[in-house]
Each structure stands twice: as structure tokens, then as C-alpha cells.
Protein backbone atom coordinates (compact mmCIF):
# COMPACT_ATOMS: atom_id res chain seq x y z
CA MET A 1 104.36 83.40 75.08
CA ASN A 2 107.64 82.45 74.23
CA GLU A 3 108.39 86.01 72.36
CA ILE A 4 107.34 87.82 75.56
CA CYS A 5 109.68 85.86 77.38
CA ARG A 6 112.42 86.36 74.99
CA GLU A 7 111.58 90.15 74.73
CA HIS A 8 112.12 90.42 78.34
CA GLY A 9 114.91 88.31 79.12
CA ILE A 10 113.28 85.56 81.14
CA ASN A 11 112.14 81.84 80.71
CA GLN A 12 108.45 80.39 80.58
CA PRO A 13 108.83 78.80 84.26
CA THR A 14 109.71 82.45 85.67
CA PHE A 15 107.15 84.14 83.79
CA TYR A 16 104.47 81.63 85.55
CA LYS A 17 105.89 81.77 89.03
CA TRP A 18 105.51 85.68 88.84
CA LYS A 19 102.10 85.30 87.24
CA SER A 20 100.75 83.15 90.13
CA LYS A 21 102.26 85.30 92.66
CA TYR A 22 100.97 88.61 91.47
CA VAL A 23 98.15 87.65 89.50
CA GLY A 24 94.91 89.85 90.68
CA LEU A 25 97.40 92.55 92.36
CA ASP A 26 96.58 96.33 90.90
CA VAL A 27 99.51 98.75 90.37
CA GLN A 28 99.19 100.37 93.51
CA GLN A 29 99.54 96.98 95.60
CA LEU A 30 102.97 95.89 94.04
CA PRO A 31 105.20 98.35 96.00
CA LYS A 32 103.63 97.62 99.28
CA MET A 33 104.11 93.89 98.25
CA LYS A 34 107.74 94.56 97.54
CA GLU A 35 108.17 96.19 100.97
CA LEU A 36 106.46 93.32 102.52
CA GLN A 37 108.96 90.80 100.85
CA LYS A 38 111.99 93.11 101.81
CA CYS A 39 111.02 93.39 105.91
CA ILE A 40 110.53 89.54 105.52
CA ARG A 41 114.17 88.99 103.95
CA VAL A 42 115.38 91.19 106.83
CA VAL A 43 113.96 89.53 109.36
CA GLY A 44 115.03 86.21 108.33
CA LEU A 45 111.64 84.50 107.92
CA THR A 46 111.54 81.12 105.95
CA PRO A 47 108.46 80.74 103.74
CA ASP A 48 107.20 78.31 105.85
CA GLN A 49 107.38 80.65 109.42
CA ILE A 50 105.44 83.74 107.47
CA PRO A 51 102.08 82.44 108.18
CA ASN A 52 102.92 81.93 111.97
CA PHE A 53 104.83 85.38 112.12
CA PHE A 54 101.77 87.06 111.18
CA ARG A 55 99.43 85.22 113.12
CA LYS A 56 101.47 86.30 116.43
CA ALA A 57 101.59 89.93 115.26
CA ALA A 58 97.64 90.03 114.89
């Protein structure tokens, strides 16, 4: 684990954060996830507002 993190220039907490965030996603789903994150930043939502935003939009 240490070697992988060192090779990619990240620390272990970052690795585990990314792992928990992206586990189970297919390669095809990653661009969609990044686009969604970009849209959320543009709209200016905080993490606690995101579930409510999608409930209202549905």
C-alpha cells in the first residue's frame, strides 16, 4: 500500500477516501461522476444539500 501511494504521490488517507468514494464504479461511470461533481460545484451545493436537491428535481 505504501509503495502504491508513493508511486502516485498521494498519502494513505487520500487513497482510502478515493477508494470509499469510487469503489464499485465501472470505468464508463467515472466520467459521469466527474461531470456530476462539476455541476454540483457550479450550482454551489454543499454536501448536506445534495440529497434534497435531487429529491426536489425528481
